[in-house]
């Protein structure tokens, strides 16, 4: 019997691999099944950790330009092949790096994201998995492009300033100083936002307010992004302003689509599933285990367990899910491919006690063990 275990992290309690290995321990108490544990995440926070931990990678820390111009330490991962970099743009340009009272989208820049990419390129990486959620920026990704060597200049030939104030002053764009090595790279961008760059559903109108954009600034800033899109179209011959995901991370999605080579924007879960080659393992599996901290009605809205379940159903494989807690509306998961789900908390306990890492791992192992004992009885035979 082959069992594939692909758990999301149980935030504050277990990493993806810790949860998966705890489940594996429970299976092995009952039978000698072949158990394959894969790391998972949804492309957002925790993705780098999951993939580095699960795919034999290592962390790199580099000093880069933060969203408001101050230097910050950004961490990314290089996987075991030494060619694949995994990074989250929020490490360099995230909104959590800026105090609420200091948020200023007119000055916030993605320059540090480009610096992270350059650092990884310098270490031999040519494949990039980049999550672009949680930004403090609204400048269309121009900072990232400048860091990568693109010269974005005004009528006097001067580089535009960080932020979006100068976007409507752009006259010329040049790639003369972009490293040749960039052409050798491929980019898989984890993006769960479908908004376009411009307009009332775009980057400024929808996401700008949480970054500090005032109501009276929306139209002005949106017009600046439109100008950048116009100049980009002239330079690249492509118009991606209305593409799904172009408005992600303040327009960083647009910059990625328009200027990076061999680029794909996909939902985060799809990017991660491909990276860990989960489908190849599921094809000949007999059972798939998945789970997350809380299984509820929102799980069916693109979260990790349902992404795993849908992949398993392509091959007619049964799916069991385990969760720290299960809400009353979790039944929706049964119609989304999860055949049965189980809470792992055993008895009355405080939230703090339940989330303690050691306790959570024990609970996972014990719960999975009992489920597999039930399977053994139902099949009336030993599992080998």
Protein backbone atom coordinates (compact mmCIF):
# COMPACT_ATOMS: atom_id res chain seq x y z
CA UNK A 1 0.00 0.00 0.00
CA UNK A 2 1.27 3.46 -0.89
CA UNK A 3 0.16 6.49 1.13
CA UNK A 4 1.06 10.06 0.14
CA UNK A 5 0.99 12.60 2.98
CA UNK A 6 0.75 16.29 2.01
CA UNK A 7 -0.12 18.57 4.90
CA UNK A 8 -0.32 22.33 5.10
CA UNK A 9 1.38 23.87 8.12
CA UNK A 10 -0.57 24.07 11.37
CA UNK A 11 0.36 27.69 12.05
CA UNK A 12 1.92 28.28 15.43
CA UNK A 13 2.05 24.56 16.03
CA UNK A 14 3.61 22.37 13.30
CA UNK A 15 5.38 23.04 10.02
CA UNK A 16 4.17 21.21 6.95
CA UNK A 17 6.86 18.55 7.25
CA UNK A 18 6.42 18.17 11.01
CA UNK A 19 2.71 17.51 10.53
CA UNK A 20 3.41 15.12 7.67
CA UNK A 21 6.04 13.16 9.54
CA UNK A 22 3.78 12.92 12.61
CA UNK A 23 1.08 11.42 10.40
CA UNK A 24 3.62 9.03 8.90
CA UNK A 25 4.55 7.84 12.39
CA UNK A 26 0.91 6.99 13.06
CA UNK A 27 0.64 4.94 9.87
CA UNK A 28 3.83 3.04 10.66
CA UNK A 29 2.46 1.99 14.05
CA UNK A 30 -0.20 0.02 12.22
CA UNK A 31 1.26 -1.24 8.97
CA UNK A 32 4.28 -1.39 6.70
CA UNK A 33 2.86 0.84 3.98
CA UNK A 34 5.10 2.89 1.74
CA UNK A 35 4.63 6.44 3.02
CA UNK A 36 5.74 9.48 0.99
CA UNK A 37 5.68 12.84 2.80
CA UNK A 38 5.62 16.02 0.71
CA UNK A 39 5.85 19.64 1.95
CA UNK A 40 3.01 22.00 1.07
CA UNK A 41 1.99 25.64 1.35
CA UNK A 42 -0.36 27.99 -0.47
CA UNK A 43 2.29 30.26 -1.97
CA UNK A 44 2.05 32.83 0.81
CA UNK A 45 3.73 33.11 4.17
CA UNK A 46 5.48 29.89 5.09
CA UNK A 47 6.04 28.69 1.53
CA UNK A 48 9.79 29.22 1.65
CA UNK A 49 10.06 27.33 4.92
CA UNK A 50 7.93 24.43 3.68
CA UNK A 51 9.90 23.93 0.48
CA UNK A 52 13.34 24.43 2.02
CA UNK A 53 12.53 21.99 4.83
CA UNK A 54 10.87 19.44 2.60
CA UNK A 55 13.15 19.52 -0.44
CA UNK A 56 16.55 19.58 1.20
CA UNK A 57 17.24 23.26 0.73
CA UNK A 58 19.06 25.94 2.66
CA UNK A 59 18.37 29.51 3.70
CA UNK A 60 20.17 32.61 2.47
CA UNK A 61 19.95 35.96 4.21
CA UNK A 62 20.82 39.11 2.28
CA UNK A 63 20.66 42.83 3.08
CA UNK A 64 18.35 44.61 0.65
CA UNK A 65 16.49 47.87 0.29
CA UNK A 66 13.28 47.77 2.32
CA UNK A 67 9.97 49.22 1.18
CA UNK A 68 10.68 52.67 2.62
CA UNK A 69 14.33 52.78 1.61
CA UNK A 70 15.92 51.51 4.81
CA UNK A 71 18.02 48.37 4.66
CA UNK A 72 16.38 45.14 5.84
CA UNK A 73 17.49 41.51 6.12
CA UNK A 74 15.56 39.37 3.64
CA UNK A 75 15.62 35.58 3.78
CA UNK A 76 14.99 33.26 0.87
CA UNK A 77 15.66 29.63 0.11
CA UNK A 78 17.80 27.71 -2.36
CA UNK A 79 16.56 24.18 -2.92
CA UNK A 80 18.68 21.05 -3.02
CA UNK A 81 19.32 21.28 -6.76
CA UNK A 82 21.21 24.56 -6.12
CA UNK A 83 19.40 26.02 -9.14
CA UNK A 84 15.99 26.85 -7.70
CA UNK A 85 15.34 29.86 -5.48
CA UNK A 86 12.18 30.20 -3.40
CA UNK A 87 11.31 33.65 -2.14
CA UNK A 88 8.47 35.77 -0.84
CA UNK A 89 8.44 39.39 -1.96
CA UNK A 90 7.15 40.38 1.47
CA UNK A 91 10.60 39.61 2.87
CA UNK A 92 11.93 42.68 1.04
CA UNK A 93 8.88 44.86 0.36
CA UNK A 94 6.17 43.62 2.70
CA UNK A 95 3.62 45.78 4.45
CA UNK A 96 4.56 44.26 7.82
CA UNK A 97 8.00 45.86 7.46
CA UNK A 98 6.39 49.29 7.71
CA UNK A 99 4.74 50.80 10.78
CA UNK A 100 1.14 51.80 10.13
CA UNK A 101 1.89 55.49 10.58
CA UNK A 102 4.79 55.31 8.11
CA UNK A 103 2.94 53.69 5.21
CA UNK A 104 3.37 55.81 2.11
CA UNK A 105 2.65 54.16 -1.25
CA UNK A 106 3.96 57.24 -3.05
CA UNK A 107 7.48 56.26 -1.87
CA UNK A 108 7.26 52.53 -1.18
CA UNK A 109 9.45 50.48 -3.51
CA UNK A 110 10.00 46.90 -4.66
CA UNK A 111 13.72 47.53 -5.25
CA UNK A 112 14.67 44.95 -2.63
CA UNK A 113 12.81 42.22 -4.53
CA UNK A 114 15.06 42.78 -7.51
CA UNK A 115 18.09 42.70 -5.22
CA UNK A 116 16.99 39.30 -3.85
CA UNK A 117 16.65 37.96 -7.40
CA UNK A 118 20.10 39.29 -8.35
CA UNK A 119 21.64 37.72 -5.25
CA UNK A 120 20.14 34.33 -6.12
CA UNK A 121 21.28 34.65 -9.73
CA UNK A 122 24.78 35.34 -8.46
CA UNK A 123 24.64 32.05 -6.54
CA UNK A 124 23.75 30.11 -9.68
CA UNK A 125 19.97 30.01 -9.45
CA UNK A 126 18.05 30.09 -12.72
CA UNK A 127 14.60 28.92 -11.62
CA UNK A 128 12.55 31.11 -9.31
CA UNK A 129 9.40 30.43 -7.29
CA UNK A 130 8.19 33.80 -6.02
CA UNK A 131 5.19 34.55 -3.81
CA UNK A 132 3.96 38.10 -4.30
CA UNK A 133 1.43 38.66 -1.54
CA UNK A 134 1.48 41.18 1.31
CA UNK A 135 3.24 44.12 -0.32
CA UNK A 136 3.55 47.69 0.96
CA UNK A 137 3.90 49.00 -2.59
CA UNK A 138 1.80 50.37 -5.45
CA UNK A 139 4.50 51.32 -7.98
CA UNK A 140 3.93 48.68 -10.63
CA UNK A 141 7.11 46.79 -9.82
CA UNK A 142 9.33 49.56 -11.19
CA UNK A 143 11.68 49.30 -8.21
CA UNK A 144 12.29 45.61 -8.90
CA UNK A 145 12.95 46.39 -12.54
CA UNK A 146 15.46 49.12 -11.69
CA UNK A 147 17.32 46.77 -9.36
CA UNK A 148 17.50 44.24 -12.21
CA UNK A 149 19.14 46.83 -14.44
CA UNK A 150 16.24 48.33 -16.36
CA UNK A 151 16.78 52.06 -16.88
CA UNK A 152 13.49 53.87 -16.42
CA UNK A 153 14.02 57.55 -17.07
CA UNK A 154 12.24 60.90 -17.39
CA UNK A 155 12.56 63.51 -20.16
CA UNK A 156 15.94 64.63 -18.79
CA UNK A 157 17.29 61.08 -18.85
CA UNK A 158 17.22 60.91 -15.05
CA UNK A 159 16.08 57.71 -13.29
CA UNK A 160 12.62 57.96 -11.76
CA UNK A 161 12.49 58.15 -7.97
CA UNK A 162 11.44 55.18 -5.81
CA UNK A 163 7.68 54.82 -5.48
CA UNK A 164 4.92 55.80 -7.87
CA UNK A 165 5.16 59.60 -7.92
CA UNK A 166 7.27 59.69 -11.08
CA UNK A 167 5.46 56.99 -13.04
CA UNK A 168 3.68 59.57 -15.20
CA UNK A 169 7.03 61.19 -16.00
CA UNK A 170 8.49 58.09 -17.62
CA UNK A 171 9.72 58.80 -21.14
CA UNK A 172 12.16 56.00 -21.84
CA UNK A 173 12.88 52.42 -20.77
CA UNK A 174 16.10 50.60 -21.58
CA UNK A 175 17.35 47.07 -20.94
CA UNK A 176 21.00 47.77 -21.80
CA UNK A 177 22.21 47.14 -18.25
CA UNK A 178 20.08 44.07 -17.54
CA UNK A 179 22.36 41.05 -16.92
CA UNK A 180 22.42 38.54 -19.76
CA UNK A 181 21.92 35.80 -17.18
CA UNK A 182 18.35 36.99 -16.63
CA UNK A 183 17.42 35.58 -20.04
CA UNK A 184 18.41 32.12 -18.78
CA UNK A 185 15.95 32.30 -15.88
CA UNK A 186 12.36 31.13 -15.50
CA UNK A 187 9.87 32.54 -13.02
CA UNK A 188 6.86 30.85 -11.45
CA UNK A 189 4.92 33.56 -9.65
CA UNK A 190 2.53 32.46 -6.91
CA UNK A 191 -0.38 34.86 -7.15
CA UNK A 192 -3.90 34.38 -5.78
CA UNK A 193 -5.10 37.82 -6.86
CA UNK A 194 -6.91 38.16 -10.19
CA UNK A 195 -7.19 41.95 -10.29
CA UNK A 196 -5.86 43.90 -13.29
CA UNK A 197 -3.28 46.66 -12.97
CA UNK A 198 -5.55 49.63 -13.66
CA UNK A 199 -9.11 50.78 -13.16
CA UNK A 200 -11.63 50.50 -10.35
CA UNK A 201 -10.74 46.82 -9.81
CA UNK A 202 -7.04 47.49 -10.09
CA UNK A 203 -4.06 47.74 -7.78
CA UNK A 204 -4.66 51.25 -6.44
CA UNK A 205 -8.44 51.22 -6.04
CA UNK A 206 -8.71 47.78 -4.41
CA UNK A 207 -5.49 47.33 -2.47
CA UNK A 208 -4.20 50.88 -2.14
CA UNK A 209 -6.20 51.93 0.95
CA UNK A 210 -4.61 49.28 3.19
CA UNK A 211 -1.22 50.63 2.10
CA UNK A 212 -2.06 54.24 2.82
CA UNK A 213 -3.67 55.49 -0.40
CA UNK A 214 -6.23 58.21 0.35
CA UNK A 215 -9.55 58.40 -1.44
CA UNK A 216 -8.58 61.58 -3.31
CA UNK A 217 -5.33 59.95 -4.47
CA UNK A 218 -6.84 56.90 -6.14
CA UNK A 219 -7.58 58.48 -9.51
CA UNK A 220 -4.24 60.30 -9.62
CA UNK A 221 -2.20 57.22 -8.73
CA UNK A 222 -4.18 54.99 -11.08
CA UNK A 223 -3.45 57.42 -13.91
CA UNK A 224 0.26 57.17 -13.12
CA UNK A 225 0.10 53.37 -13.40
CA UNK A 226 -1.71 53.70 -16.73
CA UNK A 227 1.12 55.89 -18.01
CA UNK A 228 3.68 53.27 -16.98
CA UNK A 229 1.58 50.62 -18.74
CA UNK A 230 1.55 52.75 -21.90
CA UNK A 231 5.34 53.15 -21.87
CA UNK A 232 5.70 49.44 -21.16
CA UNK A 233 3.56 48.57 -24.15
CA UNK A 234 5.74 50.76 -26.35
CA UNK A 235 8.90 49.11 -25.01
CA UNK A 236 7.83 45.47 -24.93
CA UNK A 237 5.08 45.33 -27.52
CA UNK A 238 2.87 43.65 -24.90
CA UNK A 239 -0.10 45.07 -23.02
CA UNK A 240 -0.65 43.13 -19.80
CA UNK A 241 -2.45 45.81 -17.81
CA UNK A 242 -5.75 43.90 -17.80
CA UNK A 243 -4.24 40.45 -17.31
CA UNK A 244 -5.38 38.44 -14.30
CA UNK A 245 -2.95 39.07 -11.47
CA UNK A 246 -1.37 42.17 -13.02
CA UNK A 247 -2.59 44.21 -10.05
CA UNK A 248 -1.08 41.88 -7.44
CA UNK A 249 1.44 43.38 -5.01
CA UNK A 250 0.75 46.90 -6.20
CA UNK A 251 1.35 46.00 -9.84
CA UNK A 252 4.37 43.77 -9.30
CA UNK A 253 2.41 41.10 -11.15
CA UNK A 254 2.30 43.42 -14.17
CA UNK A 255 6.07 43.98 -14.08
CA UNK A 256 6.69 40.24 -13.84
CA UNK A 257 4.43 39.46 -16.80
CA UNK A 258 5.83 42.27 -18.92
CA UNK A 259 9.56 42.16 -18.22
CA UNK A 260 10.65 38.80 -16.77
CA UNK A 261 11.53 35.93 -19.14
CA UNK A 262 9.76 32.58 -19.13
CA UNK A 263 7.20 33.74 -16.58
CA UNK A 264 3.94 32.21 -15.36
CA UNK A 265 1.48 33.64 -12.83
CA UNK A 266 -0.49 30.87 -11.14
CA UNK A 267 -2.45 30.34 -7.92
CA UNK A 268 -0.02 29.70 -5.11
CA UNK A 269 -1.17 26.16 -4.45
CA UNK A 270 -0.58 25.22 -8.11
CA UNK A 271 2.96 26.60 -8.05
CA UNK A 272 3.79 24.62 -4.91
CA UNK A 273 2.15 21.40 -6.09
CA UNK A 274 4.24 21.52 -9.25
CA UNK A 275 7.42 22.32 -7.33
CA UNK A 276 7.11 19.30 -5.04
CA UNK A 277 6.01 17.02 -7.91
CA UNK A 278 3.03 15.84 -5.90
CA UNK A 279 1.04 14.62 -8.90
CA UNK A 280 3.78 12.17 -9.87
CA UNK A 281 3.54 10.55 -6.42
CA UNK A 282 -0.25 10.51 -6.28
CA UNK A 283 -0.70 8.71 -9.61
CA UNK A 284 0.01 5.28 -8.13
CA UNK A 285 -1.03 5.98 -4.53
CA UNK A 286 -3.72 4.05 -2.70
CA UNK A 287 -4.56 6.83 -0.26
CA UNK A 288 -3.73 10.51 0.29
CA UNK A 289 -3.61 12.27 3.66
CA UNK A 290 -3.81 16.05 3.93
CA UNK A 291 -4.83 18.65 6.50
CA UNK A 292 -4.44 22.09 8.05
CA UNK A 293 -4.87 23.84 11.38
CA UNK A 294 -8.57 24.56 10.97
CA UNK A 295 -10.85 22.81 8.51
CA UNK A 296 -13.90 24.92 7.71
CA UNK A 297 -16.13 26.20 4.94
CA UNK A 298 -13.33 28.45 3.67
CA UNK A 299 -11.09 25.45 3.04
CA UNK A 300 -12.89 24.82 -0.24
CA UNK A 301 -11.89 28.30 -1.47
CA UNK A 302 -8.52 27.29 -2.86
CA UNK A 303 -6.78 26.22 0.33
CA UNK A 304 -4.14 23.49 0.43
CA UNK A 305 -6.23 20.45 1.51
CA UNK A 306 -8.75 20.89 -1.30
CA UNK A 307 -6.00 21.53 -3.83
CA UNK A 308 -4.48 18.20 -2.81
CA UNK A 309 -7.88 16.48 -2.89
CA UNK A 310 -8.69 17.70 -6.38
CA UNK A 311 -5.37 16.42 -7.63
CA UNK A 312 -5.99 13.04 -6.02
CA UNK A 313 -9.43 12.77 -7.59
CA UNK A 314 -7.87 12.97 -11.06
CA UNK A 315 -6.59 9.47 -10.31
CA UNK A 316 -9.50 8.19 -8.24
CA UNK A 317 -7.48 8.17 -5.02
CA UNK A 318 -9.23 8.43 -1.65
CA UNK A 319 -8.44 11.46 0.54
CA UNK A 320 -8.47 11.77 4.33
CA UNK A 321 -7.90 15.10 6.10
CA UNK A 322 -6.76 15.82 9.65
CA UNK A 323 -7.13 19.19 11.35
CA UNK A 324 -6.47 20.87 14.66
CA UNK A 325 -10.11 21.92 14.72
CA UNK A 326 -13.16 21.29 12.57
CA UNK A 327 -16.04 23.76 12.30
CA UNK A 328 -19.70 23.10 11.65
CA UNK A 329 -19.52 24.12 8.00
CA UNK A 330 -16.56 21.86 7.19
CA UNK A 331 -18.95 19.42 5.53
CA UNK A 332 -18.43 21.44 2.35
CA UNK A 333 -15.04 19.76 2.12
CA UNK A 334 -16.70 16.40 1.46
CA UNK A 335 -18.15 17.70 -1.80
CA UNK A 336 -14.77 19.18 -2.74
CA UNK A 337 -12.88 15.89 -2.80
CA UNK A 338 -12.09 15.16 0.85
CA UNK A 339 -13.72 11.81 1.57
CA UNK A 340 -13.51 12.06 5.36
CA UNK A 341 -11.96 14.41 7.89
CA UNK A 342 -10.96 14.10 11.53
CA UNK A 343 -10.03 16.55 14.30
CA UNK A 344 -6.85 15.56 16.10
CA UNK A 345 -7.48 17.26 19.47
CA UNK A 346 -8.11 14.65 22.13
CA UNK A 347 -10.25 15.75 25.05
CA UNK A 348 -10.95 19.11 26.66
CA UNK A 349 -7.90 21.37 26.52
CA UNK A 350 -6.91 25.01 26.24
CA UNK A 351 -5.96 26.44 22.86
CA UNK A 352 -2.43 27.01 24.12
CA UNK A 353 -2.08 23.38 25.20
CA UNK A 354 -3.54 22.07 21.93
CA UNK A 355 -1.17 24.18 19.84
CA UNK A 356 1.99 23.25 21.73
CA UNK A 357 4.23 21.64 19.13
CA UNK A 358 4.96 18.44 21.07
CA UNK A 359 1.30 17.93 21.96
CA UNK A 360 0.14 18.64 18.41
CA UNK A 361 2.56 16.09 16.93
CA UNK A 362 1.47 13.46 19.45
CA UNK A 363 -2.19 14.16 18.69
CA UNK A 364 -1.57 13.85 14.96
CA UNK A 365 0.27 10.55 15.34
CA UNK A 366 -2.37 9.06 17.65
CA UNK A 367 -5.29 10.19 15.47
CA UNK A 368 -3.78 8.83 12.27
CA UNK A 369 -2.91 5.58 14.03
CA UNK A 370 -6.52 5.03 15.10
CA UNK A 371 -7.89 5.83 11.65
CA UNK A 372 -5.54 3.30 10.09
CA UNK A 373 -6.55 0.71 12.65
CA UNK A 374 -10.12 1.28 11.50
CA UNK A 375 -9.04 0.89 7.87
CA UNK A 376 -7.34 -2.36 8.78
CA UNK A 377 -10.52 -3.70 10.32
CA UNK A 378 -12.69 -2.54 7.41
CA UNK A 379 -10.49 -4.22 4.85
CA UNK A 380 -10.30 -7.37 7.03
CA UNK A 381 -6.67 -7.78 6.16
CA UNK A 382 -3.26 -6.52 7.16
CA UNK A 383 -1.90 -3.56 5.23
CA UNK A 384 1.50 -4.12 3.68
